[in-house]
N, C-alpha and C. Protein backbone atom coordinates (compact mmCIF):
# COMPACT_ATOMS: atom_id res chain seq x y z
N MET A 1 86.52 125.85 155.76
CA MET A 1 87.03 124.42 155.92
C MET A 1 88.36 124.70 156.73
N SER A 2 88.62 123.62 157.24
CA SER A 2 89.59 123.61 158.38
C SER A 2 90.96 122.85 157.63
N GLY A 3 90.44 121.67 157.09
CA GLY A 3 90.85 120.46 156.75
C GLY A 3 91.86 120.83 155.50
N LYS A 4 92.31 119.74 155.21
CA LYS A 4 93.42 119.47 154.11
C LYS A 4 92.59 119.64 152.50
N SER A 5 93.75 120.23 151.69
CA SER A 5 92.99 119.93 150.06
C SER A 5 94.07 119.40 149.13
N ALA A 6 93.30 118.75 148.30
CA ALA A 6 94.28 118.18 147.41
C ALA A 6 93.86 117.99 145.83
N LEU A 7 94.77 118.15 144.97
CA LEU A 7 94.54 118.12 143.85
C LEU A 7 94.91 117.00 142.99
N ILE A 8 94.13 116.17 142.08
CA ILE A 8 94.59 114.95 141.41
C ILE A 8 94.47 115.47 139.96
N ALA A 9 95.78 115.01 139.19
CA ALA A 9 95.59 114.86 137.74
C ALA A 9 95.58 113.57 137.24
N GLY A 10 94.95 112.80 136.25
CA GLY A 10 94.78 111.46 136.14
C GLY A 10 93.75 110.82 137.09
N ALA A 11 92.52 111.84 137.28
CA ALA A 11 91.55 110.93 138.25
C ALA A 11 90.92 110.17 137.43
N THR A 12 91.06 109.74 136.36
CA THR A 12 89.91 108.54 135.54
C THR A 12 90.66 107.67 135.21
N GLY A 13 91.95 107.40 135.49
CA GLY A 13 92.74 106.38 135.53
C GLY A 13 92.84 105.48 136.45
N LEU A 14 93.27 104.24 136.19
CA LEU A 14 93.34 103.25 137.31
C LEU A 14 93.68 103.56 138.69
N THR A 15 94.91 104.19 138.48
CA THR A 15 95.30 104.76 140.02
C THR A 15 94.61 105.78 140.45
N GLY A 16 94.41 106.61 139.57
CA GLY A 16 94.06 108.15 140.05
C GLY A 16 92.50 107.70 140.24
N SER A 17 91.58 106.98 139.87
CA SER A 17 90.46 106.64 140.41
C SER A 17 90.14 106.06 141.84
N LYS A 18 91.02 105.32 142.04
CA LYS A 18 91.18 104.75 143.52
C LYS A 18 91.60 105.83 144.03
N LEU A 19 92.52 106.39 143.94
CA LEU A 19 92.84 107.69 144.75
C LEU A 19 91.87 108.45 145.01
N VAL A 20 90.98 109.03 144.17
CA VAL A 20 89.91 109.65 144.34
C VAL A 20 88.83 109.16 145.43
N GLU A 21 88.70 108.10 145.33
CA GLU A 21 88.03 107.16 146.30
C GLU A 21 88.53 107.25 147.68
N VAL A 22 89.81 107.20 147.89
CA VAL A 22 90.58 106.85 149.02
C VAL A 22 90.81 108.41 149.80
N LEU A 23 90.93 109.30 149.10
CA LEU A 23 90.97 110.71 149.72
C LEU A 23 89.65 111.13 150.16
N LEU A 24 88.56 110.79 149.38
CA LEU A 24 87.46 111.34 149.63
C LEU A 24 86.75 110.77 151.01
N ASP A 25 87.37 109.61 151.29
CA ASP A 25 87.00 108.74 152.55
C ASP A 25 88.14 108.87 153.73
N ARG A 26 88.61 109.88 153.40
CA ARG A 26 89.87 110.44 154.49
C ARG A 26 89.31 111.72 155.03
N PRO A 27 89.23 111.73 156.59
CA PRO A 27 88.72 112.82 157.03
C PRO A 27 89.75 114.29 157.21
N GLU A 28 91.10 113.98 157.05
CA GLU A 28 91.84 115.00 156.74
C GLU A 28 91.58 115.85 155.61
N TYR A 29 90.68 115.42 154.64
CA TYR A 29 90.51 116.34 153.66
C TYR A 29 89.14 116.87 153.45
N ASP A 30 89.11 117.97 153.43
CA ASP A 30 87.81 119.01 153.08
C ASP A 30 87.45 119.24 151.55
N LYS A 31 88.42 118.93 150.96
CA LYS A 31 88.23 119.46 149.18
C LYS A 31 89.12 118.72 148.34
N ILE A 32 88.52 118.02 147.29
CA ILE A 32 89.42 117.28 146.55
C ILE A 32 89.07 117.85 145.07
N THR A 33 90.03 118.14 144.43
CA THR A 33 89.70 119.07 143.03
C THR A 33 90.41 117.98 142.01
N VAL A 34 89.80 117.46 141.27
CA VAL A 34 90.23 116.89 140.12
C VAL A 34 90.39 117.39 138.74
N PHE A 35 91.45 117.08 138.13
CA PHE A 35 91.32 117.29 136.40
C PHE A 35 90.97 116.32 135.77
N VAL A 36 90.03 116.41 135.18
CA VAL A 36 89.46 115.40 134.33
C VAL A 36 89.20 115.90 132.71
N ARG A 37 89.21 114.67 132.02
CA ARG A 37 88.75 115.21 130.10
C ARG A 37 87.59 114.60 130.03
N ARG A 38 86.94 113.75 130.98
CA ARG A 38 85.55 113.30 130.62
C ARG A 38 85.55 113.11 132.27
N PRO A 39 83.91 113.52 132.56
CA PRO A 39 83.73 113.68 134.06
C PRO A 39 83.54 112.63 134.64
N LEU A 40 83.87 112.15 136.03
CA LEU A 40 83.69 111.18 136.82
C LEU A 40 82.09 110.80 137.18
N THR A 41 81.51 109.85 136.98
CA THR A 41 80.25 109.60 137.58
C THR A 41 80.45 109.11 139.01
N LEU A 42 80.67 110.30 139.61
CA LEU A 42 80.67 110.53 140.99
C LEU A 42 80.52 111.66 141.45
N GLU A 43 79.41 111.52 142.36
CA GLU A 43 79.23 112.98 143.36
C GLU A 43 79.55 112.88 144.29
N HIS A 44 79.82 114.26 145.12
CA HIS A 44 80.39 113.94 146.79
C HIS A 44 80.70 115.80 147.27
N PRO A 45 80.23 115.84 148.14
CA PRO A 45 80.21 117.31 148.67
C PRO A 45 81.67 117.77 148.72
N LYS A 46 82.91 117.02 148.83
CA LYS A 46 84.04 117.29 148.80
C LYS A 46 84.50 117.29 147.69
N LEU A 47 83.81 116.88 146.30
CA LEU A 47 84.64 116.75 145.32
C LEU A 47 84.32 117.75 144.00
N GLU A 48 85.42 118.40 143.45
CA GLU A 48 85.28 119.25 142.46
C GLU A 48 85.68 118.96 141.21
N GLN A 49 85.21 118.73 140.09
CA GLN A 49 85.79 118.35 138.89
C GLN A 49 86.16 119.70 137.73
N ILE A 50 87.09 119.45 137.37
CA ILE A 50 87.68 120.73 136.67
C ILE A 50 87.82 119.82 134.79
N HIS A 51 87.36 120.15 134.08
CA HIS A 51 87.57 119.85 132.46
C HIS A 51 88.86 120.64 132.34
N VAL A 52 90.07 119.94 131.88
CA VAL A 52 91.26 120.71 131.73
C VAL A 52 91.64 120.10 130.54
N ASP A 53 92.52 121.42 129.84
CA ASP A 53 93.10 121.11 128.70
C ASP A 53 94.70 121.40 129.00
N TYR A 54 95.61 119.72 128.81
CA TYR A 54 96.70 120.21 129.24
C TYR A 54 97.80 120.75 128.53
N TYR A 55 97.13 121.07 127.35
CA TYR A 55 97.98 122.02 126.79
C TYR A 55 98.04 123.52 127.38
N ARG A 56 96.92 123.87 128.12
CA ARG A 56 96.89 125.26 128.65
C ARG A 56 97.00 125.12 130.08
N LEU A 57 97.62 124.40 130.58
CA LEU A 57 97.91 124.15 132.20
C LEU A 57 97.94 125.53 133.22
N ASP A 58 98.65 126.67 132.35
CA ASP A 58 98.59 127.71 133.09
C ASP A 58 97.38 128.61 133.27
N ASP A 59 96.16 127.98 132.92
CA ASP A 59 95.01 128.53 132.74
C ASP A 59 94.29 128.31 134.15
N TYR A 60 95.00 126.99 134.60
CA TYR A 60 94.37 126.56 135.62
C TYR A 60 95.10 126.79 136.93
N LYS A 61 95.88 127.64 137.21
CA LYS A 61 96.92 128.05 138.08
C LYS A 61 96.16 128.32 139.54
N LYS A 62 94.85 128.68 139.58
CA LYS A 62 94.29 129.19 140.84
C LYS A 62 94.02 127.88 141.71
N HIS A 63 93.41 126.56 140.98
CA HIS A 63 93.53 124.98 141.57
C HIS A 63 94.58 124.60 141.82
N PHE A 64 95.97 124.97 141.91
CA PHE A 64 97.09 124.52 142.55
C PHE A 64 97.50 125.07 144.21
N GLN A 65 96.35 125.91 144.56
CA GLN A 65 96.58 126.67 145.82
C GLN A 65 95.75 125.30 146.72
N VAL A 66 96.44 124.45 147.27
CA VAL A 66 96.13 123.21 147.82
C VAL A 66 97.35 122.71 148.51
N ASP A 67 97.16 121.84 149.36
CA ASP A 67 98.26 121.42 150.28
C ASP A 67 98.93 119.90 149.59
N ASP A 68 98.20 119.20 148.81
CA ASP A 68 99.19 118.20 148.09
C ASP A 68 98.30 118.18 146.58
N VAL A 69 99.48 117.88 145.82
CA VAL A 69 98.97 117.60 144.50
C VAL A 69 99.67 116.42 144.06
N PHE A 70 98.85 115.42 143.59
CA PHE A 70 98.95 114.09 142.96
C PHE A 70 98.82 114.00 141.54
N CYS A 71 99.83 113.24 141.07
CA CYS A 71 99.87 113.04 139.47
C CYS A 71 100.08 111.52 139.28
N CYS A 72 98.83 111.18 138.60
CA CYS A 72 98.62 110.03 138.63
C CYS A 72 98.53 109.73 136.72
N LEU A 73 99.07 110.69 136.35
CA LEU A 73 99.28 110.66 134.45
C LEU A 73 99.93 109.45 134.22
N GLY A 74 99.60 108.71 133.10
CA GLY A 74 100.07 107.70 132.29
C GLY A 74 99.58 107.22 131.47
N THR A 75 100.30 106.72 130.31
CA THR A 75 99.81 105.75 129.19
C THR A 75 100.55 104.89 128.50
N THR A 76 100.57 104.57 127.51
CA THR A 76 101.02 103.65 126.48
C THR A 76 101.46 104.25 125.49
N ILE A 77 102.80 104.03 124.62
CA ILE A 77 103.00 104.31 123.57
C ILE A 77 102.00 104.07 122.59
N LYS A 78 101.14 102.95 122.62
CA LYS A 78 99.96 102.11 121.56
C LYS A 78 99.09 103.14 121.73
N LYS A 79 98.61 103.78 123.00
CA LYS A 79 97.41 104.09 123.31
C LYS A 79 97.96 105.76 122.87
N ALA A 80 99.14 106.19 123.23
CA ALA A 80 99.09 107.44 122.77
C ALA A 80 99.44 107.81 121.56
N GLY A 81 100.04 106.76 120.48
CA GLY A 81 100.03 106.81 119.01
C GLY A 81 101.35 107.13 118.52
N SER A 82 102.39 107.44 119.33
CA SER A 82 103.91 107.87 119.16
C SER A 82 104.60 108.11 120.06
N GLN A 83 105.92 107.97 119.99
CA GLN A 83 106.66 108.37 121.12
C GLN A 83 106.76 109.34 121.84
N LYS A 84 106.43 110.57 120.79
CA LYS A 84 106.29 111.74 121.02
C LYS A 84 105.21 112.21 121.89
N ALA A 85 104.19 111.58 121.66
CA ALA A 85 102.81 111.90 122.49
C ALA A 85 102.94 111.25 123.79
N PHE A 86 103.81 110.14 123.86
CA PHE A 86 103.92 109.41 125.14
C PHE A 86 105.02 110.30 126.01
N ARG A 87 105.39 110.86 125.36
CA ARG A 87 106.72 111.58 126.22
C ARG A 87 105.83 112.78 126.82
N ARG A 88 104.86 113.49 125.98
CA ARG A 88 103.84 114.48 126.27
C ARG A 88 103.18 114.33 127.89
N VAL A 89 102.79 113.05 127.56
CA VAL A 89 101.99 112.52 128.95
C VAL A 89 102.87 112.29 129.83
N ASP A 90 103.77 111.37 129.68
CA ASP A 90 104.55 111.16 131.00
C ASP A 90 105.96 111.51 131.17
N TYR A 91 106.16 112.83 130.55
CA TYR A 91 107.28 113.71 131.00
C TYR A 91 106.66 115.23 131.20
N ASP A 92 106.33 115.60 129.87
CA ASP A 92 105.78 117.07 130.02
C ASP A 92 104.90 117.30 131.05
N TYR A 93 103.52 116.69 131.24
CA TYR A 93 102.55 116.96 131.82
C TYR A 93 102.94 116.81 133.52
N PRO A 94 103.73 116.08 133.66
CA PRO A 94 104.20 115.75 135.31
C PRO A 94 105.20 116.95 135.40
N VAL A 95 105.82 117.25 134.68
CA VAL A 95 107.17 118.22 135.06
C VAL A 95 105.98 119.70 135.02
N ALA A 96 105.29 120.07 134.29
CA ALA A 96 104.33 121.28 134.29
C ALA A 96 103.52 121.40 135.60
N LEU A 97 103.07 120.29 135.79
CA LEU A 97 102.13 120.14 136.97
C LEU A 97 103.04 120.69 138.41
N ALA A 98 104.16 119.75 138.57
CA ALA A 98 105.15 120.10 139.62
C ALA A 98 105.47 121.67 139.78
N GLN A 99 105.78 122.23 138.73
CA GLN A 99 106.10 123.78 138.84
C GLN A 99 104.97 124.54 139.06
N LEU A 100 104.13 124.27 138.39
CA LEU A 100 102.78 125.06 138.97
C LEU A 100 102.26 124.72 140.51
N ALA A 101 102.74 123.63 140.93
CA ALA A 101 102.43 123.40 142.38
C ALA A 101 103.44 124.06 143.27
N LYS A 102 104.61 124.10 142.75
CA LYS A 102 105.70 124.45 143.63
C LYS A 102 105.29 126.18 143.74
N SER A 103 104.69 127.03 142.48
CA SER A 103 104.92 128.09 142.45
C SER A 103 103.48 128.45 143.36
N ALA A 104 102.36 127.88 143.65
CA ALA A 104 101.35 127.91 144.36
C ALA A 104 101.40 127.44 145.72
N GLY A 105 102.57 127.07 146.07
CA GLY A 105 102.74 126.81 147.33
C GLY A 105 102.47 125.67 148.23
N ALA A 106 102.17 124.58 147.12
CA ALA A 106 101.62 123.42 147.68
C ALA A 106 102.78 122.70 148.51
N LYS A 107 102.33 121.80 149.25
CA LYS A 107 103.59 121.25 150.42
C LYS A 107 103.86 119.81 149.92
N ASN A 108 103.15 119.12 149.14
CA ASN A 108 103.71 117.84 148.81
C ASN A 108 103.13 117.56 147.29
N PHE A 109 104.34 116.93 146.40
CA PHE A 109 103.85 116.78 144.84
C PHE A 109 104.23 115.16 144.93
N LEU A 110 103.23 114.76 144.94
CA LEU A 110 103.30 113.02 144.67
C LEU A 110 102.77 112.26 143.38
N VAL A 111 103.86 111.62 142.73
CA VAL A 111 103.71 111.35 141.35
C VAL A 111 103.81 109.55 140.97
N VAL A 112 103.37 109.18 140.30
CA VAL A 112 103.39 107.73 139.97
C VAL A 112 104.34 107.67 138.91
N SER A 113 105.50 106.81 139.11
CA SER A 113 106.37 106.49 137.98
C SER A 113 106.41 105.17 137.70
N ALA A 114 107.30 104.62 137.81
CA ALA A 114 107.65 102.84 137.27
C ALA A 114 108.81 102.71 137.94
N MET A 115 108.75 100.96 137.97
CA MET A 115 109.55 100.47 138.84
C MET A 115 110.95 100.29 138.19
N GLY A 116 111.12 100.53 136.77
CA GLY A 116 112.28 100.44 135.74
C GLY A 116 112.97 101.84 135.54
N ALA A 117 112.05 103.03 136.10
CA ALA A 117 112.60 104.35 135.59
C ALA A 117 114.05 104.64 135.63
N ASP A 118 114.44 104.88 134.70
CA ASP A 118 116.46 105.11 134.60
C ASP A 118 116.34 106.16 133.47
N SER A 119 117.10 107.28 133.71
CA SER A 119 117.23 108.37 132.39
C SER A 119 118.20 107.83 131.40
N ARG A 120 119.13 106.65 131.76
CA ARG A 120 119.92 106.16 131.12
C ARG A 120 119.42 104.90 130.53
N SER A 121 118.52 104.37 130.56
CA SER A 121 117.73 103.26 130.20
C SER A 121 118.01 103.27 128.58
N ASN A 122 118.07 102.08 128.26
CA ASN A 122 117.85 101.86 126.46
C ASN A 122 116.61 101.29 126.22
N ILE A 123 115.60 101.53 127.22
CA ILE A 123 113.85 101.25 126.96
C ILE A 123 113.78 102.48 126.98
N PHE A 124 112.91 102.62 126.10
CA PHE A 124 112.38 104.28 125.88
C PHE A 124 111.28 104.58 127.03
N TYR A 125 110.47 103.80 127.22
CA TYR A 125 109.45 103.80 128.38
C TYR A 125 110.20 104.10 129.63
N ASN A 126 111.14 103.26 129.93
CA ASN A 126 111.88 103.33 131.42
C ASN A 126 112.65 104.90 131.26
N ARG A 127 113.24 105.10 130.24
CA ARG A 127 114.05 106.32 129.92
C ARG A 127 113.15 107.41 130.37
N VAL A 128 112.28 107.60 129.57
CA VAL A 128 111.32 108.64 129.85
C VAL A 128 110.90 108.97 131.53
N LYS A 129 110.61 107.91 131.72
CA LYS A 129 109.99 108.13 133.51
C LYS A 129 111.26 108.28 134.23
N GLY A 130 112.54 107.90 133.89
CA GLY A 130 113.41 108.30 134.42
C GLY A 130 113.84 109.77 134.51
N GLN A 131 113.67 110.34 133.30
CA GLN A 131 114.01 111.69 133.06
C GLN A 131 112.92 112.34 133.71
N MET A 132 111.73 112.21 133.79
CA MET A 132 110.72 112.96 134.42
C MET A 132 110.93 112.82 135.85
N GLU A 133 111.63 111.84 136.33
CA GLU A 133 112.23 111.59 137.84
C GLU A 133 113.15 112.66 138.07
N ASP A 134 114.29 112.63 137.21
CA ASP A 134 115.49 113.77 137.35
C ASP A 134 115.00 115.07 137.55
N SER A 135 114.05 115.47 136.39
CA SER A 135 113.74 116.82 136.19
C SER A 135 112.79 117.22 137.45
N LEU A 136 112.05 116.11 138.14
CA LEU A 136 111.44 116.73 139.50
C LEU A 136 112.24 116.79 140.42
N LYS A 137 113.13 115.98 140.61
CA LYS A 137 114.13 116.15 141.65
C LYS A 137 115.09 117.50 141.66
N LYS A 138 115.29 117.86 140.38
CA LYS A 138 116.26 119.17 140.05
C LYS A 138 115.15 120.44 140.54
N MET A 139 113.91 120.24 141.13
CA MET A 139 113.20 121.31 140.99
C MET A 139 113.14 121.95 142.68
N GLU A 140 113.80 121.44 143.31
CA GLU A 140 113.58 121.71 145.01
C GLU A 140 112.30 121.87 145.53
N LEU A 141 111.48 120.92 145.14
CA LEU A 141 110.25 121.00 145.73
C LEU A 141 110.34 120.81 147.11
N PRO A 142 108.86 121.30 147.82
CA PRO A 142 109.16 121.05 149.60
C PRO A 142 109.02 119.68 149.74
N ALA A 143 108.37 118.93 149.16
CA ALA A 143 108.53 117.30 149.26
C ALA A 143 108.39 116.59 148.10
N LEU A 144 108.59 115.96 147.47
CA LEU A 144 108.74 115.34 146.35
C LEU A 144 108.46 113.92 146.65
N HIS A 145 107.65 112.84 146.51
CA HIS A 145 107.14 111.83 146.59
C HIS A 145 107.00 111.01 145.13
N ILE A 146 108.01 109.88 144.80
CA ILE A 146 108.02 109.24 143.79
C ILE A 146 107.79 107.70 143.94
N PHE A 147 106.50 107.53 143.39
CA PHE A 147 106.28 106.09 143.69
C PHE A 147 106.42 105.32 142.40
N ARG A 148 107.29 103.76 142.71
CA ARG A 148 107.57 103.13 141.44
C ARG A 148 106.90 101.92 141.65
N PRO A 149 105.78 101.73 141.15
CA PRO A 149 105.03 100.40 141.56
C PRO A 149 105.45 99.31 140.27
N SER A 150 105.32 98.17 140.68
CA SER A 150 105.63 97.16 139.60
C SER A 150 104.36 97.01 138.94
N LEU A 151 104.07 95.93 137.98
CA LEU A 151 102.92 95.76 137.28
C LEU A 151 101.63 96.19 137.84
N LEU A 152 100.84 97.15 137.59
CA LEU A 152 99.67 97.64 138.01
C LEU A 152 98.58 96.61 138.13
N LEU A 153 97.77 96.06 138.89
CA LEU A 153 96.63 95.43 138.80
C LEU A 153 95.21 96.07 139.09
N GLY A 154 94.34 95.66 138.61
CA GLY A 154 93.16 96.51 139.14
C GLY A 154 91.93 96.19 137.62
N ASP A 155 90.97 96.97 138.01
CA ASP A 155 89.69 96.99 136.79
C ASP A 155 90.06 98.01 136.16
N ARG A 156 90.92 98.19 135.09
CA ARG A 156 91.45 99.18 134.23
C ARG A 156 89.99 98.97 133.11
N LYS A 157 90.19 100.52 132.43
CA LYS A 157 88.68 100.39 131.44
C LYS A 157 89.32 99.75 129.82
N GLU A 158 90.75 99.96 129.49
CA GLU A 158 90.97 99.67 128.46
C GLU A 158 91.64 98.00 128.79
N PHE A 159 91.61 97.12 127.85
CA PHE A 159 92.22 96.24 127.86
C PHE A 159 94.14 96.18 127.59
N ARG A 160 94.99 95.83 128.44
CA ARG A 160 96.28 95.44 128.57
C ARG A 160 96.62 93.99 128.70
N LEU A 161 96.89 93.40 127.63
CA LEU A 161 97.34 91.86 127.84
C LEU A 161 98.32 91.78 128.93
N GLY A 162 99.53 92.55 129.09
CA GLY A 162 100.67 92.34 129.94
C GLY A 162 99.88 92.30 131.63
N GLU A 163 98.97 92.99 131.81
CA GLU A 163 98.33 93.32 132.83
C GLU A 163 97.33 92.25 133.39
N LYS A 164 96.52 91.71 132.13
CA LYS A 164 95.52 90.61 132.13
C LYS A 164 96.57 89.32 132.46
N VAL A 165 97.30 89.04 131.88
CA VAL A 165 98.35 87.96 132.02
C VAL A 165 98.97 87.77 133.46
N ALA A 166 99.34 88.83 134.20
CA ALA A 166 99.63 88.92 135.47
C ALA A 166 98.69 88.91 136.44
N SER A 167 97.26 89.29 136.05
CA SER A 167 96.62 88.99 137.03
C SER A 167 95.96 87.62 137.55
N LEU A 168 96.24 86.81 136.31
CA LEU A 168 95.88 85.46 136.25
C LEU A 168 96.85 84.57 136.89
N ILE A 169 98.21 85.23 136.75
CA ILE A 169 99.34 84.17 137.17
C ILE A 169 99.89 84.98 138.68
N SER A 170 99.44 86.03 139.01
CA SER A 170 100.17 86.52 140.21
C SER A 170 99.70 85.36 141.42
N PRO A 171 98.69 85.20 141.56
CA PRO A 171 98.25 84.00 142.88
C PRO A 171 99.31 83.06 142.80
N VAL A 172 99.58 82.53 141.61
CA VAL A 172 100.50 81.25 142.05
C VAL A 172 101.98 81.98 142.20
N PHE A 173 102.64 82.90 141.50
CA PHE A 173 103.73 83.19 141.38
C PHE A 173 104.44 84.22 142.75
N SER A 174 103.73 85.15 143.12
CA SER A 174 103.60 86.22 144.25
C SER A 174 104.51 85.76 145.38
N PRO A 175 103.67 84.49 145.72
CA PRO A 175 103.93 83.95 147.06
C PRO A 175 105.64 83.34 146.98
N LEU A 176 106.22 83.32 145.95
CA LEU A 176 107.66 82.89 145.39
C LEU A 176 108.59 83.98 145.51
N LEU A 177 108.00 85.08 145.33
CA LEU A 177 108.77 86.18 145.21
C LEU A 177 109.33 86.96 146.95
N ARG A 178 110.33 86.69 147.31
CA ARG A 178 110.57 87.17 148.60
C ARG A 178 111.95 87.86 148.73
N GLY A 179 112.32 88.44 149.80
CA GLY A 179 113.22 89.21 149.86
C GLY A 179 113.35 90.36 148.97
N GLY A 180 114.49 90.73 148.25
CA GLY A 180 114.55 91.49 147.38
C GLY A 180 114.01 91.40 146.31
N MET A 181 113.27 90.24 146.03
CA MET A 181 112.52 89.77 144.82
C MET A 181 110.86 90.59 144.83
N LYS A 182 110.63 91.13 146.21
CA LYS A 182 109.29 91.12 146.54
C LYS A 182 108.68 92.54 145.41
N LYS A 183 109.98 93.50 145.29
CA LYS A 183 109.45 94.62 144.52
C LYS A 183 108.77 93.89 143.06
N TYR A 184 108.97 93.01 142.62
CA TYR A 184 108.61 92.53 141.41
C TYR A 184 107.23 92.01 141.39
N LYS A 185 106.77 91.65 142.43
CA LYS A 185 105.30 91.51 142.46
C LYS A 185 104.26 92.32 142.05
N PRO A 186 103.26 92.18 141.13
CA PRO A 186 102.17 92.79 140.71
C PRO A 186 101.68 93.44 141.92
N ILE A 187 101.12 94.73 141.89
CA ILE A 187 100.64 95.45 142.92
C ILE A 187 99.16 96.07 142.69
N GLN A 188 98.52 95.87 143.29
CA GLN A 188 96.75 96.57 143.28
C GLN A 188 97.21 97.95 142.78
N ALA A 189 96.16 98.42 142.19
CA ALA A 189 96.17 100.31 142.17
C ALA A 189 95.64 100.83 143.40
N GLU A 190 94.71 100.00 144.09
CA GLU A 190 93.92 100.15 145.44
C GLU A 190 95.33 100.61 146.30
N GLN A 191 96.17 99.69 146.44
CA GLN A 191 97.34 100.05 147.30
C GLN A 191 98.15 101.08 146.94
N VAL A 192 98.38 101.34 145.70
CA VAL A 192 99.09 102.59 145.51
C VAL A 192 98.61 103.60 145.61
N ALA A 193 97.19 103.73 145.62
CA ALA A 193 96.52 104.93 145.99
C ALA A 193 96.40 105.46 147.62
N LYS A 194 96.69 104.04 148.32
CA LYS A 194 96.46 104.17 149.93
C LYS A 194 97.69 104.62 149.81
N ALA A 195 98.91 104.17 149.49
CA ALA A 195 100.20 104.55 149.75
C ALA A 195 100.57 105.88 149.74
N MET A 196 99.97 106.32 148.62
CA MET A 196 100.31 107.72 148.25
C MET A 196 99.27 108.75 149.08
N CYS A 197 98.27 108.61 149.59
CA CYS A 197 97.62 109.16 150.71
C CYS A 197 98.57 108.92 151.86
N THR A 198 98.85 107.92 152.30
CA THR A 198 99.87 107.75 153.37
C THR A 198 101.04 108.59 153.45
N ALA A 199 101.39 108.65 152.47
CA ALA A 199 102.89 109.85 152.21
C ALA A 199 102.62 110.92 152.46
N ALA A 200 101.54 111.29 151.92
CA ALA A 200 100.97 112.65 152.11
C ALA A 200 100.61 113.41 153.48
N GLN A 201 100.35 112.42 154.18
CA GLN A 201 100.12 112.91 155.74
C GLN A 201 101.56 113.16 156.21
N THR A 202 102.57 112.60 156.04
CA THR A 202 104.00 112.70 156.71
C THR A 202 104.46 114.25 156.33
N GLU A 203 105.32 114.65 157.35
CA GLU A 203 105.98 115.79 157.14
C GLU A 203 107.70 115.55 156.83
N SER A 204 107.90 114.88 156.07
CA SER A 204 109.22 114.35 155.91
C SER A 204 110.18 115.31 155.28
N GLY A 205 109.23 115.82 154.07
CA GLY A 205 110.15 117.16 153.30
C GLY A 205 110.90 116.31 152.26
N GLY A 206 111.81 116.79 151.25
CA GLY A 206 113.02 116.48 150.56
C GLY A 206 112.18 115.64 149.60
N ILE A 207 112.92 114.59 149.07
CA ILE A 207 112.74 113.60 148.12
C ILE A 207 112.53 112.24 148.78
N GLN A 208 111.38 111.50 148.43
CA GLN A 208 111.26 110.29 149.00
C GLN A 208 110.97 109.44 147.92
N VAL A 209 111.47 108.40 147.70
CA VAL A 209 111.65 107.44 146.45
C VAL A 209 111.00 106.04 147.32
N TYR A 210 109.67 105.27 146.79
CA TYR A 210 109.16 104.37 147.26
C TYR A 210 108.95 103.23 146.17
N PRO A 211 109.96 102.20 146.32
CA PRO A 211 109.91 100.97 145.45
C PRO A 211 108.51 100.29 146.02
N SER A 212 108.24 99.40 144.91
CA SER A 212 106.83 98.73 144.92
C SER A 212 106.49 98.01 146.04
N ASP A 213 107.47 97.08 146.76
CA ASP A 213 107.37 96.40 148.25
C ASP A 213 107.19 97.53 149.01
N ARG A 214 107.86 98.63 148.92
CA ARG A 214 107.18 99.28 149.99
C ARG A 214 105.86 100.34 149.99
N ILE A 215 105.92 100.36 148.89
CA ILE A 215 104.31 100.70 148.48
C ILE A 215 103.29 99.82 148.93
N ALA A 216 103.66 98.69 148.59
CA ALA A 216 102.69 97.26 149.31
C ALA A 216 102.47 97.37 150.57
N GLU A 217 103.52 97.25 151.47
CA GLU A 217 103.25 97.65 152.65
C GLU A 217 102.61 98.80 153.36
N MET A 218 102.85 100.04 152.86
CA MET A 218 101.98 100.98 153.24
C MET A 218 100.71 101.11 152.74
N GLY A 219 100.25 100.31 151.41
CA GLY A 219 98.87 100.13 151.21
C GLY A 219 98.23 99.33 151.66
N SER A 220 98.91 98.42 152.77
CA SER A 220 98.27 97.65 153.45
C SER A 220 98.05 98.10 154.61
N LEU A 221 98.32 99.11 155.07
CA LEU A 221 98.38 99.53 156.74
C LEU A 221 96.80 99.91 156.83
């Protein structure tokens, strides 16, 4: 194989599942490895599924010998069951993935954060996302791409009231959000996936942060 290789963590989630489809369809990639807790109902000659135990990530070091590592992990406090469990998924795992990616020599680490990420926020969700970003920025990765989407839209497996309401009102209110307000528009998960793929093809290096309106532009190309 002469093309690129990629690893996706969170491949069964809303954005991650779209990213799998996008990367499999791109000629730049010869191999896509996905970390899953439940098998994908998808077969493809480029695809390798690895049943992962995130408590023992060091056991999967060999799978990080790829060009691009994509982290699409994310949960809610309600689904996780506690703030501690939420932090494990949205902070501990992404940071551990980035450390392994750096050690293995991956060229790009791309992660889904959130629009309100801020380590000083009074909102727990935003604070954890911000702390995750801060930790990644300190790691001096070859190329770090942070995506801060607004409310995600798409066919999610579990019901989330906020996203359902947003999907219903978005066609009415989104056209009214212009200029600096564009970043608040709800965004399709598929656009985020496409933007992540586009960013991985660049050779910018360093730290790149993409607000939601920029993600929408990149995901529409």
